[in-house]
Structure formats: C-alpha cells, structure tokens
C-alpha cells in the first residue's frame, strides 16, 4: 500500500519551462533521450507536443537543414521562436519581437484596469500610481536586464508610458502636458514614507523614464552576474570570448557588453571602471555597488529631464521663428 501511494505522489511531480542547450544535433538527441528515460523511471511524462527545438543557424551557412530530433518515436517541431519564462526567444537573437510583445501586453493590462481604476475619480492619484507601478510598469519592462535596445525601440516604450501616465493623471492630449511634467506630478504624489527607515536610495513608489529604469536594471544584473562563481553559465556567457572564426568587415551588431559600456558612460561610471578594468572587482561589494548605481541613476534622470526640456524649448523657438517669418 505504501509503494502504491508513493507512485501516485510521484505522478503529481512535474517539471516545467526547462531549457536544454547543445552545440550539435547529436548532443541534443542524447540529452533529450536521457531526460526522457530518467523521467520515465520516476513516473514523470515529457510533454512531447509542447517540446520544441530552436536552431540558431550561422550566417555563413544559411542552407543548413533543420535538425531532426526524435523522442519516443515522435519528431520534435523546429520553430523560429518560442516563449521561455514569459520572454520570446528568436533564433537570430533579435529582441524586436520581445519588445513588441512587452508593449502589447502592457497595453492590454493597462486597458483592463481602465474602468476599475483609471476612470474612477474617487481614487487618489497616489493609489493609481502605486497600481501602475506594481502591475503595468513591470509588464512593460519584464526582462529588460538582458535587452540590447536601440533608440527607436526606447522612444516607442517612452511614448507608451507617456500615454499611460497621461490617462492615469486624468489628462488628455488637449491639455498639452509634457512627459517631464507628468513624471514630476506622479513622483511627487506617489512618495511612500513608510519605507524611509529601510533605505533612502531607491525605496518608495516613484516613476522614472523607461530608459533610466532599464539602464539601472541592466547594471544591477551585471553586478549580480559578475559576483557569480566562474562555473555559472551566465558568467561564462558574459566574459566568454570566441576563439575561432573571423569577423566580417563593418560595424558588428550591438552586444550586451557594449550596452553595459554605454550604461557606465551614461551613469558617469566609465572613468572609475577604467581604473579597475575588471567588472568583478568593480562590483564585488554588493551594497556599495547598489548605492552607487542608484545615486547615479537619480543624476541621470535629472539630466534626462533637463535635456528633454531643452529640446522642447528649442523646437518651440524654431516654430515661433517660422511663424514670424
């Protein structure tokens, strides 16, 4: 009786969202067969219909056929993209689809709360901002720690947040409220003094630009990876170098390490980093690293708002000159 009960309990155990990486088709076939046999011994079942293969084809050999992976006499489907832990991963390592998906999901979650939250006049602005900061903004920036965005993608996300905040604050396009004014309005009213005792660096509910948040999150994640053990896969991927092959002439695609370099320059940390020339020693003290990047992010946000105001004023002056002429 005890053995029968144990078998029934084992059938309730399941593994979900497991990613397996391999360099060759033969290695992937061996790994999946091993997984399937081990699962079978423990009474588990592999969802063959949900298991997919994503093949990153090299640009130098675009005519390589898709791999043929068979598990339990069933051939796995080869796809160009799949969803893993809520993020879309493509075979060409592009994040265009992922950012578009993030924007669509953020719009969807925002619209679902329109009748219940944003439209209600009896709710305080502070409450609405806290809900936006808890529900909508994380949906828009989910996984931004590993993004390599470009200027066009960032402008799109900033524009989406501007429309969100304009609706939350009860404004319309006819009011002609700038993005910076909305940020100041929401930040001033959303301060939560209950967390002042913990840490004054980044506690409380505050809204910043999407660029500031993404740069801060990427630097925070880079410090976390740099402090990992050398045997961890994320650290090997960050500090690894390709020792074979030859790069074509021309500017290469923007890498994650180049994005970190831009973040350090934007937060005025590049000069300090050049003295160490080692990200591991530069971020080894977790508390000091967090305080440093949080302080620099506040300075970056202030400069970002000032530059946006200056650009807006220069455009208005040019328009007035054209009208007078």
C-alpha atoms as a PDB file:
ATOM      1  CA  UNK A   1       0.000   0.000   0.000  1.00  0.00           C
ATOM      2  CA  UNK A   2       2.814   2.375   0.802  1.00  0.00           C
ATOM      3  CA  UNK A   3       4.504   1.743  -2.549  1.00  0.00           C
ATOM      4  CA  UNK A   4       1.267   2.380  -4.416  1.00  0.00           C
ATOM      5  CA  UNK A   5       0.735   5.651  -2.559  1.00  0.00           C
ATOM      6  CA  UNK A   6       4.307   6.679  -3.314  1.00  0.00           C
ATOM      7  CA  UNK A   7       3.826   6.046  -7.031  1.00  0.00           C
ATOM      8  CA  UNK A   8       0.669   8.155  -7.049  1.00  0.00           C
ATOM      9  CA  UNK A   9       2.513  11.013  -5.358  1.00  0.00           C
ATOM     10  CA  UNK A  10       5.393  10.813  -7.833  1.00  0.00           C
ATOM     11  CA  UNK A  11       2.982  11.226 -10.725  1.00  0.00           C
ATOM     12  CA  UNK A  12       1.971  14.623  -9.339  1.00  0.00           C
ATOM     13  CA  UNK A  13       5.543  15.919  -9.591  1.00  0.00           C
ATOM     14  CA  UNK A  14       6.240  17.769 -12.824  1.00  0.00           C
ATOM     15  CA  UNK A  15       8.945  19.939 -14.368  1.00  0.00           C
ATOM     16  CA  UNK A  16       8.005  22.938 -16.497  1.00  0.00           C
ATOM     17  CA  UNK A  17       9.886  25.538 -18.548  1.00  0.00           C
ATOM     18  CA  UNK A  18      13.146  23.581 -18.821  1.00  0.00           C
ATOM     19  CA  UNK A  19      15.668  24.783 -21.423  1.00  0.00           C
ATOM     20  CA  UNK A  20      18.342  22.448 -22.797  1.00  0.00           C
ATOM     21  CA  UNK A  21      21.311  23.780 -24.779  1.00  0.00           C
ATOM     22  CA  UNK A  22      23.604  21.795 -27.054  1.00  0.00           C
ATOM     23  CA  UNK A  23      26.227  22.567 -29.687  1.00  0.00           C
ATOM     24  CA  UNK A  24      25.412  19.721 -32.084  1.00  0.00           C
ATOM     25  CA  UNK A  25      22.382  17.751 -33.160  1.00  0.00           C
ATOM     26  CA  UNK A  26      23.845  14.531 -31.755  1.00  0.00           C
ATOM     27  CA  UNK A  27      24.405  16.068 -28.310  1.00  0.00           C
ATOM     28  CA  UNK A  28      20.840  17.355 -28.142  1.00  0.00           C
ATOM     29  CA  UNK A  29      19.480  13.950 -29.132  1.00  0.00           C
ATOM     30  CA  UNK A  30      21.471  12.210 -26.382  1.00  0.00           C
ATOM     31  CA  UNK A  31      20.435  14.754 -23.722  1.00  0.00           C
ATOM     32  CA  UNK A  32      16.734  14.515 -24.576  1.00  0.00           C
ATOM     33  CA  UNK A  33      16.816  10.721 -24.624  1.00  0.00           C
ATOM     34  CA  UNK A  34      18.475  10.744 -21.199  1.00  0.00           C
ATOM     35  CA  UNK A  35      15.869  13.150 -19.850  1.00  0.00           C
ATOM     36  CA  UNK A  36      13.055  11.035 -21.247  1.00  0.00           C
ATOM     37  CA  UNK A  37      14.393   7.811 -19.706  1.00  0.00           C
ATOM     38  CA  UNK A  38      15.014   9.411 -16.301  1.00  0.00           C
ATOM     39  CA  UNK A  39      11.548  10.960 -16.285  1.00  0.00           C
ATOM     40  CA  UNK A  40      10.066   7.581 -17.145  1.00  0.00           C
ATOM     41  CA  UNK A  41      11.841   5.892 -14.230  1.00  0.00           C
ATOM     42  CA  UNK A  42      10.400   8.426 -11.781  1.00  0.00           C
ATOM     43  CA  UNK A  43       6.906   8.182 -13.216  1.00  0.00           C
ATOM     44  CA  UNK A  44       7.078  11.557 -14.966  1.00  0.00           C
ATOM     45  CA  UNK A  45       5.959  12.323 -18.500  1.00  0.00           C
ATOM     46  CA  UNK A  46       7.570  14.635 -21.027  1.00  0.00           C
ATOM     47  CA  UNK A  47       5.112  16.804 -22.925  1.00  0.00           C
ATOM     48  CA  UNK A  48       6.203  15.912 -26.444  1.00  0.00           C
ATOM     49  CA  UNK A  49       3.717  18.261 -28.118  1.00  0.00           C
ATOM     50  CA  UNK A  50       4.993  21.217 -26.080  1.00  0.00           C
ATOM     51  CA  UNK A  51       8.671  20.393 -26.554  1.00  0.00           C
ATOM     52  CA  UNK A  52      10.183  22.448 -29.388  1.00  0.00           C
ATOM     53  CA  UNK A  53      13.596  22.856 -30.979  1.00  0.00           C
ATOM     54  CA  UNK A  54      15.077  26.256 -31.807  1.00  0.00           C
ATOM     55  CA  UNK A  55      18.046  26.108 -34.173  1.00  0.00           C
ATOM     56  CA  UNK A  56      20.381  29.111 -34.450  1.00  0.00           C
ATOM     57  CA  UNK A  57      21.677  28.827 -37.988  1.00  0.00           C
ATOM     58  CA  UNK A  58      25.068  30.510 -38.670  1.00  0.00           C
ATOM     59  CA  UNK A  59      25.019  33.338 -41.209  1.00  0.00           C
ATOM     60  CA  UNK A  60      27.933  31.818 -43.100  1.00  0.00           C
ATOM     61  CA  UNK A  61      25.909  28.628 -43.743  1.00  0.00           C
ATOM     62  CA  UNK A  62      22.269  29.644 -44.275  1.00  0.00           C
ATOM     63  CA  UNK A  63      21.386  26.438 -46.156  1.00  0.00           C
ATOM     64  CA  UNK A  64      21.931  24.041 -43.260  1.00  0.00           C
ATOM     65  CA  UNK A  65      18.817  21.842 -42.895  1.00  0.00           C
ATOM     66  CA  UNK A  66      16.809  21.817 -39.699  1.00  0.00           C
ATOM     67  CA  UNK A  67      17.855  19.255 -37.091  1.00  0.00           C
ATOM     68  CA  UNK A  68      15.824  16.078 -36.754  1.00  0.00           C
ATOM     69  CA  UNK A  69      15.256  15.272 -33.077  1.00  0.00           C
ATOM     70  CA  UNK A  70      13.130  12.233 -32.212  1.00  0.00           C
ATOM     71  CA  UNK A  71      11.850  11.437 -28.715  1.00  0.00           C
ATOM     72  CA  UNK A  72       9.712   8.341 -28.107  1.00  0.00           C
ATOM     73  CA  UNK A  73       9.217   7.882 -31.875  1.00  0.00           C
ATOM     74  CA  UNK A  74       7.931  11.460 -32.174  1.00  0.00           C
ATOM     75  CA  UNK A  75       9.810  14.096 -34.158  1.00  0.00           C
ATOM     76  CA  UNK A  76      10.036  17.434 -32.358  1.00  0.00           C
ATOM     77  CA  UNK A  77       8.893  20.558 -34.138  1.00  0.00           C
ATOM     78  CA  UNK A  78      11.561  23.097 -35.172  1.00  0.00           C
ATOM     79  CA  UNK A  79      10.459  26.702 -34.603  1.00  0.00           C
ATOM     80  CA  UNK A  80      11.916  30.157 -35.227  1.00  0.00           C
ATOM     81  CA  UNK A  81      10.868  31.485 -31.812  1.00  0.00           C
ATOM     82  CA  UNK A  82       9.401  30.196 -28.586  1.00  0.00           C
ATOM     83  CA  UNK A  83       8.335  31.562 -25.223  1.00  0.00           C
ATOM     84  CA  UNK A  84      10.547  30.779 -22.244  1.00  0.00           C
ATOM     85  CA  UNK A  85       9.641  32.108 -18.780  1.00  0.00           C
ATOM     86  CA  UNK A  86       7.422  34.757 -20.350  1.00  0.00           C
ATOM     87  CA  UNK A  87      10.019  36.037 -22.845  1.00  0.00           C
ATOM     88  CA  UNK A  88      10.140  35.424 -26.586  1.00  0.00           C
ATOM     89  CA  UNK A  89      13.446  33.985 -27.808  1.00  0.00           C
ATOM     90  CA  UNK A  90      14.199  34.061 -31.549  1.00  0.00           C
ATOM     91  CA  UNK A  91      16.713  32.030 -33.491  1.00  0.00           C
ATOM     92  CA  UNK A  92      18.516  35.195 -34.666  1.00  0.00           C
ATOM     93  CA  UNK A  93      18.881  36.604 -31.101  1.00  0.00           C
ATOM     94  CA  UNK A  94      16.792  39.660 -32.020  1.00  0.00           C
ATOM     95  CA  UNK A  95      14.673  41.391 -29.360  1.00  0.00           C
ATOM     96  CA  UNK A  96      12.359  43.239 -31.749  1.00  0.00           C
ATOM     97  CA  UNK A  97       9.576  40.698 -31.258  1.00  0.00           C
ATOM     98  CA  UNK A  98      10.137  40.597 -27.488  1.00  0.00           C
ATOM     99  CA  UNK A  99       9.868  44.375 -27.068  1.00  0.00           C
ATOM    100  CA  UNK A 100       6.779  44.496 -29.290  1.00  0.00           C
ATOM    101  CA  UNK A 101       5.236  41.729 -27.203  1.00  0.00           C
ATOM    102  CA  UNK A 102       6.059  43.584 -23.972  1.00  0.00           C
ATOM    103  CA  UNK A 103       4.385  46.734 -25.293  1.00  0.00           C
ATOM    104  CA  UNK A 104       1.263  44.851 -26.357  1.00  0.00           C
ATOM    105  CA  UNK A 105       0.945  43.081 -23.012  1.00  0.00           C
ATOM    106  CA  UNK A 106       1.449  46.328 -21.114  1.00  0.00           C
ATOM    107  CA  UNK A 107      -1.281  47.996 -23.164  1.00  0.00           C
ATOM    108  CA  UNK A 108      -3.552  45.020 -22.520  1.00  0.00           C
ATOM    109  CA  UNK A 109      -3.013  45.072 -18.747  1.00  0.00           C
ATOM    110  CA  UNK A 110      -3.495  48.855 -18.688  1.00  0.00           C
ATOM    111  CA  UNK A 111      -6.759  48.709 -20.629  1.00  0.00           C
ATOM    112  CA  UNK A 112      -8.165  46.032 -18.313  1.00  0.00           C
ATOM    113  CA  UNK A 113      -7.832  48.444 -15.393  1.00  0.00           C
ATOM    114  CA  UNK A 114      -9.345  51.440 -17.161  1.00  0.00           C
ATOM    115  CA  UNK A 115     -12.930  51.018 -15.966  1.00  0.00           C
ATOM    116  CA  UNK A 116     -11.981  49.792 -12.484  1.00  0.00           C
ATOM    117  CA  UNK A 117      -9.070  52.070 -11.611  1.00  0.00           C
ATOM    118  CA  UNK A 118      -8.017  54.802 -14.041  1.00  0.00           C
ATOM    119  CA  UNK A 119     -11.523  56.093 -14.692  1.00  0.00           C
ATOM    120  CA  UNK A 120     -12.527  56.234 -11.013  1.00  0.00           C
ATOM    121  CA  UNK A 121     -12.393  59.830  -9.784  1.00  0.00           C
ATOM    122  CA  UNK A 122     -12.755  58.928  -6.115  1.00  0.00           C
ATOM    123  CA  UNK A 123      -9.399  57.101  -6.140  1.00  0.00           C
ATOM    124  CA  UNK A 124      -6.383  59.181  -5.222  1.00  0.00           C
ATOM    125  CA  UNK A 125      -3.603  59.727  -7.717  1.00  0.00           C
ATOM    126  CA  UNK A 126      -1.177  58.110  -5.287  1.00  0.00           C
ATOM    127  CA  UNK A 127      -3.225  54.902  -5.328  1.00  0.00           C
ATOM    128  CA  UNK A 128      -3.393  54.872  -9.114  1.00  0.00           C
ATOM    129  CA  UNK A 129       0.366  55.391  -9.411  1.00  0.00           C
ATOM    130  CA  UNK A 130       1.049  52.559  -6.976  1.00  0.00           C
ATOM    131  CA  UNK A 131      -1.163  50.245  -9.032  1.00  0.00           C
ATOM    132  CA  UNK A 132       0.538  51.341 -12.247  1.00  0.00           C
ATOM    133  CA  UNK A 133       3.975  50.831 -10.695  1.00  0.00           C
ATOM    134  CA  UNK A 134       3.007  47.377  -9.436  1.00  0.00           C
ATOM    135  CA  UNK A 135       1.028  45.971 -12.380  1.00  0.00           C
ATOM    136  CA  UNK A 136       1.624  47.798 -15.644  1.00  0.00           C
ATOM    137  CA  UNK A 137       5.231  49.019 -15.498  1.00  0.00           C
ATOM    138  CA  UNK A 138       6.717  45.574 -14.642  1.00  0.00           C
ATOM    139  CA  UNK A 139       4.807  44.129 -17.594  1.00  0.00           C
ATOM    140  CA  UNK A 140       6.377  46.700 -19.912  1.00  0.00           C
ATOM    141  CA  UNK A 141       9.946  46.233 -18.633  1.00  0.00           C
ATOM    142  CA  UNK A 142       9.944  42.499 -17.865  1.00  0.00           C
ATOM    143  CA  UNK A 143      13.323  41.028 -18.773  1.00  0.00           C
ATOM    144  CA  UNK A 144      14.894  44.400 -19.626  1.00  0.00           C
ATOM    145  CA  UNK A 145      18.064  43.348 -17.750  1.00  0.00           C
ATOM    146  CA  UNK A 146      19.156  41.396 -20.835  1.00  0.00           C
ATOM    147  CA  UNK A 147      17.912  43.712 -23.588  1.00  0.00           C
ATOM    148  CA  UNK A 148      20.031  45.489 -26.185  1.00  0.00           C
ATOM    149  CA  UNK A 149      17.579  48.123 -27.274  1.00  0.00           C
ATOM    150  CA  UNK A 150      18.071  50.828 -29.870  1.00  0.00           C
ATOM    151  CA  UNK A 151      16.906  54.443 -29.868  1.00  0.00           C
ATOM    152  CA  UNK A 152      13.754  53.713 -31.869  1.00  0.00           C
ATOM    153  CA  UNK A 153      12.613  50.963 -29.512  1.00  0.00           C
ATOM    154  CA  UNK A 154      13.260  53.131 -26.465  1.00  0.00           C
ATOM    155  CA  UNK A 155      11.282  56.027 -27.959  1.00  0.00           C
ATOM    156  CA  UNK A 156       8.384  53.653 -28.548  1.00  0.00           C
ATOM    157  CA  UNK A 157       8.373  52.484 -24.926  1.00  0.00           C
ATOM    158  CA  UNK A 158       8.714  56.043 -23.635  1.00  0.00           C
ATOM    159  CA  UNK A 159       5.758  57.081 -25.773  1.00  0.00           C
ATOM    160  CA  UNK A 160       3.653  54.233 -24.421  1.00  0.00           C
ATOM    161  CA  UNK A 161       4.420  55.200 -20.825  1.00  0.00           C
ATOM    162  CA  UNK A 162       3.651  58.842 -21.606  1.00  0.00           C
ATOM    163  CA  UNK A 163       0.177  57.871 -22.799  1.00  0.00           C
ATOM    164  CA  UNK A 164      -0.277  55.655 -19.746  1.00  0.00           C
ATOM    165  CA  UNK A 165       0.631  58.405 -17.293  1.00  0.00           C
ATOM    166  CA  UNK A 166      -1.488  60.926 -19.129  1.00  0.00           C
ATOM    167  CA  UNK A 167      -4.534  58.695 -18.677  1.00  0.00           C
ATOM    168  CA  UNK A 168      -3.682  57.928 -15.057  1.00  0.00           C
ATOM    169  CA  UNK A 169      -3.426  61.640 -14.237  1.00  0.00           C
ATOM    170  CA  UNK A 170      -6.718  62.391 -15.974  1.00  0.00           C
ATOM    171  CA  UNK A 171      -5.138  64.433 -18.762  1.00  0.00           C
ATOM    172  CA  UNK A 172      -5.788  64.433 -22.496  1.00  0.00           C
ATOM    173  CA  UNK A 173      -3.727  65.462 -25.477  1.00  0.00           C
ATOM    174  CA  UNK A 174      -5.605  68.766 -25.500  1.00  0.00           C
ATOM    175  CA  UNK A 175      -4.083  69.681 -22.129  1.00  0.00           C
ATOM    176  CA  UNK A 176      -0.620  69.619 -23.750  1.00  0.00           C
ATOM    177  CA  UNK A 177       1.103  68.227 -20.661  1.00  0.00           C
ATOM    178  CA  UNK A 178       4.704  67.250 -21.283  1.00  0.00           C
ATOM    179  CA  UNK A 179       6.219  63.919 -20.343  1.00  0.00           C
ATOM    180  CA  UNK A 180       8.522  65.545 -17.762  1.00  0.00           C
ATOM    181  CA  UNK A 181       5.610  67.312 -16.084  1.00  0.00           C
ATOM    182  CA  UNK A 182       3.756  64.012 -15.760  1.00  0.00           C
ATOM    183  CA  UNK A 183       6.805  62.322 -14.239  1.00  0.00           C
ATOM    184  CA  UNK A 184       7.203  65.076 -11.677  1.00  0.00           C
ATOM    185  CA  UNK A 185       3.493  65.048 -10.895  1.00  0.00           C
ATOM    186  CA  UNK A 186       3.364  61.297 -10.330  1.00  0.00           C
ATOM    187  CA  UNK A 187       6.633  61.121  -8.412  1.00  0.00           C
ATOM    188  CA  UNK A 188       5.717  63.951  -6.041  1.00  0.00           C
ATOM    189  CA  UNK A 189       2.375  62.396  -5.163  1.00  0.00           C
ATOM    190  CA  UNK A 190       3.488  58.754  -5.057  1.00  0.00           C
ATOM    191  CA  UNK A 191       6.164  59.000  -2.377  1.00  0.00           C
ATOM    192  CA  UNK A 192       5.638  56.328   0.281  1.00  0.00           C
ATOM    193  CA  UNK A 193       7.143  57.471   3.587  1.00  0.00           C
ATOM    194  CA  UNK A 194       6.610  54.082   5.212  1.00  0.00           C
ATOM    195  CA  UNK A 195       9.873  52.822   3.698  1.00  0.00           C
ATOM    196  CA  UNK A 196      12.138  55.683   4.757  1.00  0.00           C
ATOM    197  CA  UNK A 197      13.503  53.629   7.633  1.00  0.00           C
ATOM    198  CA  UNK A 198      14.859  50.909   5.322  1.00  0.00           C
ATOM    199  CA  UNK A 199      16.948  52.604   2.649  1.00  0.00           C
ATOM    200  CA  UNK A 200      16.713  56.051   1.125  1.00  0.00           C
ATOM    201  CA  UNK A 201      18.438  55.017  -2.096  1.00  0.00           C
ATOM    202  CA  UNK A 202      15.581  53.528  -4.107  1.00  0.00           C
ATOM    203  CA  UNK A 203      12.679  52.766  -1.764  1.00  0.00           C
ATOM    204  CA  UNK A 204       9.165  54.024  -2.205  1.00  0.00           C
ATOM    205  CA  UNK A 205       6.950  54.239  -5.264  1.00  0.00           C
ATOM    206  CA  UNK A 206       8.423  56.524  -7.892  1.00  0.00           C
ATOM    207  CA  UNK A 207       8.127  56.675 -11.667  1.00  0.00           C
ATOM    208  CA  UNK A 208      11.168  57.337 -13.834  1.00  0.00           C
ATOM    209  CA  UNK A 209      11.719  57.204 -17.548  1.00  0.00           C
ATOM    210  CA  UNK A 210      11.879  53.754 -19.104  1.00  0.00           C
ATOM    211  CA  UNK A 211      15.472  54.358 -20.185  1.00  0.00           C
ATOM    212  CA  UNK A 212      16.605  55.164 -16.640  1.00  0.00           C
ATOM    213  CA  UNK A 213      14.938  52.064 -15.248  1.00  0.00           C
ATOM    214  CA  UNK A 214      16.319  49.773 -17.965  1.00  0.00           C
ATOM    215  CA  UNK A 215      19.867  51.066 -17.607  1.00  0.00           C
ATOM    216  CA  UNK A 216      19.714  50.703 -13.824  1.00  0.00           C
ATOM    217  CA  UNK A 217      18.304  47.180 -14.088  1.00  0.00           C
ATOM    218  CA  UNK A 218      20.966  46.138 -16.581  1.00  0.00           C
ATOM    219  CA  UNK A 219      23.805  47.397 -14.371  1.00  0.00           C
ATOM    220  CA  UNK A 220      22.247  45.751 -11.324  1.00  0.00           C
ATOM    221  CA  UNK A 221      22.031  42.433 -13.176  1.00  0.00           C
ATOM    222  CA  UNK A 222      25.599  42.797 -14.496  1.00  0.00           C
ATOM    223  CA  UNK A 223      26.878  43.163 -10.948  1.00  0.00           C
ATOM    224  CA  UNK A 224      24.900  40.088  -9.922  1.00  0.00           C
ATOM    225  CA  UNK A 225      26.434  38.041 -12.744  1.00  0.00           C
ATOM    226  CA  UNK A 226      29.939  39.349 -12.068  1.00  0.00           C
ATOM    227  CA  UNK A 227      29.716  38.130  -8.468  1.00  0.00           C
ATOM    228  CA  UNK A 228      28.720  34.609  -9.541  1.00  0.00           C
ATOM    229  CA  UNK A 229      31.059  31.637  -9.381  1.00  0.00           C
ATOM    230  CA  UNK A 230      33.183  31.057 -12.520  1.00  0.00           C
ATOM    231  CA  UNK A 231      31.332  27.797 -13.171  1.00  0.00           C
ATOM    232  CA  UNK A 232      27.945  29.534 -13.620  1.00  0.00           C
ATOM    233  CA  UNK A 233      26.667  29.675 -17.198  1.00  0.00           C
ATOM    234  CA  UNK A 234      25.597  33.381 -17.139  1.00  0.00           C
ATOM    235  CA  UNK A 235      29.097  34.407 -16.077  1.00  0.00           C
ATOM    236  CA  UNK A 236      30.737  32.251 -18.728  1.00  0.00           C
ATOM    237  CA  UNK A 237      28.449  33.797 -21.353  1.00  0.00           C
ATOM    238  CA  UNK A 238      29.236  37.362 -20.196  1.00  0.00           C
ATOM    239  CA  UNK A 239      33.027  37.008 -20.046  1.00  0.00           C
ATOM    240  CA  UNK A 240      33.458  34.363 -22.746  1.00  0.00           C
ATOM    241  CA  UNK A 241      35.357  35.009 -25.953  1.00  0.00           C
ATOM    242  CA  UNK A 242      35.126  33.306 -29.345  1.00  0.00           C
ATOM    243  CA  UNK A 243      38.493  31.784 -30.242  1.00  0.00           C
ATOM    244  CA  UNK A 244      37.682  30.625 -33.783  1.00  0.00           C
ATOM    245  CA  UNK A 245      36.303  32.306 -36.874  1.00  0.00           C
ATOM    246  CA  UNK A 246      36.800  35.675 -38.480  1.00  0.00           C
ATOM    247  CA  UNK A 247      34.538  38.688 -38.236  1.00  0.00           C
ATOM    248  CA  UNK A 248      33.429  40.382 -41.427  1.00  0.00           C
ATOM    249  CA  UNK A 249      34.344  43.983 -42.150  1.00  0.00           C
ATOM    250  CA  UNK A 250      31.971  46.666 -40.939  1.00  0.00           C
ATOM    251  CA  UNK A 251      30.346  47.549 -37.670  1.00  0.00           C
ATOM    252  CA  UNK A 252      29.201  44.445 -35.743  1.00  0.00           C
ATOM    253  CA  UNK A 253      25.839  44.129 -34.075  1.00  0.00           C
ATOM    254  CA  UNK A 254      25.492  45.714 -30.667  1.00  0.00           C
ATOM    255  CA  UNK A 255      26.398  43.259 -27.933  1.00  0.00           C
ATOM    256  CA  UNK A 256      25.339  43.096 -24.302  1.00  0.00           C
ATOM    257  CA  UNK A 257      28.814  44.149 -23.174  1.00  0.00           C
ATOM    258  CA  UNK A 258      28.647  47.205 -25.406  1.00  0.00           C
ATOM    259  CA  UNK A 259      25.305  48.049 -23.813  1.00  0.00           C
ATOM    260  CA  UNK A 260      26.926  47.830 -20.375  1.00  0.00           C
ATOM    261  CA  UNK A 261      29.658  50.153 -21.568  1.00  0.00           C
ATOM    262  CA  UNK A 262      27.054  52.698 -22.668  1.00  0.00           C
ATOM    263  CA  UNK A 263      25.308  52.371 -19.299  1.00  0.00           C
ATOM    264  CA  UNK A 264      28.547  53.039 -17.411  1.00  0.00           C
ATOM    265  CA  UNK A 265      29.182  56.110 -19.552  1.00  0.00           C
ATOM    266  CA  UNK A 266      25.612  57.348 -19.147  1.00  0.00           C
ATOM    267  CA  UNK A 267      25.837  56.970 -15.351  1.00  0.00           C
ATOM    268  CA  UNK A 268      29.304  58.621 -15.288  1.00  0.00           C
ATOM    269  CA  UNK A 269      30.978  55.445 -14.022  1.00  0.00           C
ATOM    270  CA  UNK A 270      33.201  54.719 -17.006  1.00  0.00           C
ATOM    271  CA  UNK A 271      36.192  56.647 -15.626  1.00  0.00           C
ATOM    272  CA  UNK A 272      36.064  54.739 -12.347  1.00  0.00           C
ATOM    273  CA  UNK A 273      35.675  51.460 -14.214  1.00  0.00           C
ATOM    274  CA  UNK A 274      38.764  52.111 -16.344  1.00  0.00           C
ATOM    275  CA  UNK A 275      40.867  52.292 -13.197  1.00  0.00           C
ATOM    276  CA  UNK A 276      39.956  48.710 -12.270  1.00  0.00           C
ATOM    277  CA  UNK A 277      39.342  47.408 -15.814  1.00  0.00           C
ATOM    278  CA  UNK A 278      37.617  44.450 -14.202  1.00  0.00           C
ATOM    279  CA  UNK A 279      33.882  44.246 -13.708  1.00  0.00           C
ATOM    280  CA  UNK A 280      34.231  41.619 -10.982  1.00  0.00           C
ATOM    281  CA  UNK A 281      36.346  43.794  -8.687  1.00  0.00           C
ATOM    282  CA  UNK A 282      34.343  46.892  -9.617  1.00  0.00           C
ATOM    283  CA  UNK A 283      31.074  45.282  -8.420  1.00  0.00           C
ATOM    284  CA  UNK A 284      32.344  42.877  -5.733  1.00  0.00           C
ATOM    285  CA  UNK A 285      30.835  44.926  -2.876  1.00  0.00           C
ATOM    286  CA  UNK A 286      27.115  44.455  -3.468  1.00  0.00           C
ATOM    287  CA  UNK A 287      25.899  47.131  -1.035  1.00  0.00           C
ATOM    288  CA  UNK A 288      28.281  49.800  -2.310  1.00  0.00           C
ATOM    289  CA  UNK A 289      27.551  48.895  -5.934  1.00  0.00           C
ATOM    290  CA  UNK A 290      23.804  49.219  -5.402  1.00  0.00           C
ATOM    291  CA  UNK A 291      24.170  52.568  -3.642  1.00  0.00           C
ATOM    292  CA  UNK A 292      26.467  53.848  -6.385  1.00  0.00           C
ATOM    293  CA  UNK A 293      24.257  52.956  -9.342  1.00  0.00           C
ATOM    294  CA  UNK A 294      21.091  54.122  -7.539  1.00  0.00           C
ATOM    295  CA  UNK A 295      22.658  57.509  -6.886  1.00  0.00           C
ATOM    296  CA  UNK A 296      23.936  57.785 -10.451  1.00  0.00           C
ATOM    297  CA  UNK A 297      20.526  56.807 -11.814  1.00  0.00           C
ATOM    298  CA  UNK A 298      18.947  59.749  -9.998  1.00  0.00           C
ATOM    299  CA  UNK A 299      21.531  62.070 -11.562  1.00  0.00           C
ATOM    300  CA  UNK A 300      20.893  60.525 -14.984  1.00  0.00           C
ATOM    301  CA  UNK A 301      17.148  61.036 -14.569  1.00  0.00           C
ATOM    302  CA  UNK A 302      17.653  64.707 -13.712  1.00  0.00           C
ATOM    303  CA  UNK A 303      19.890  65.229 -16.751  1.00  0.00           C
ATOM    304  CA  UNK A 304      17.442  63.295 -18.928  1.00  0.00           C
ATOM    305  CA  UNK A 305      14.577  65.560 -17.891  1.00  0.00           C
ATOM    306  CA  UNK A 306      16.689  68.686 -18.419  1.00  0.00           C
ATOM    307  CA  UNK A 307      17.736  67.597 -21.910  1.00  0.00           C
ATOM    308  CA  UNK A 308      14.165  66.807 -22.832  1.00  0.00           C
ATOM    309  CA  UNK A 309      13.011  70.239 -21.649  1.00  0.00           C
ATOM    310  CA  UNK A 310      15.820  71.956 -23.579  1.00  0.00           C
ATOM    311  CA  UNK A 311      14.923  70.094 -26.768  1.00  0.00           C
ATOM    312  CA  UNK A 312      11.273  71.006 -26.338  1.00  0.00           C
ATOM    313  CA  UNK A 313      12.125  74.688 -25.811  1.00  0.00           C
ATOM    314  CA  UNK A 314      14.391  74.756 -28.861  1.00  0.00           C
ATOM    315  CA  UNK A 315      11.639  73.247 -31.015  1.00  0.00           C
ATOM    316  CA  UNK A 316       9.119  75.801 -29.777  1.00  0.00           C
ATOM    317  CA  UNK A 317      11.533  78.650 -30.510  1.00  0.00           C
ATOM    318  CA  UNK A 318      12.141  77.400 -34.030  1.00  0.00           C
ATOM    319  CA  UNK A 319       8.393  77.139 -34.621  1.00  0.00           C
ATOM    320  CA  UNK A 320       7.868  80.697 -33.397  1.00  0.00           C
ATOM    321  CA  UNK A 321      10.609  81.952 -35.712  1.00  0.00           C
ATOM    322  CA  UNK A 322       8.974  80.239 -38.677  1.00  0.00           C
ATOM    323  CA  UNK A 323       5.624  81.809 -37.775  1.00  0.00           C
ATOM    324  CA  UNK A 324       7.100  85.318 -37.520  1.00  0.00           C
ATOM    325  CA  UNK A 325       8.895  84.944 -40.819  1.00  0.00           C
END
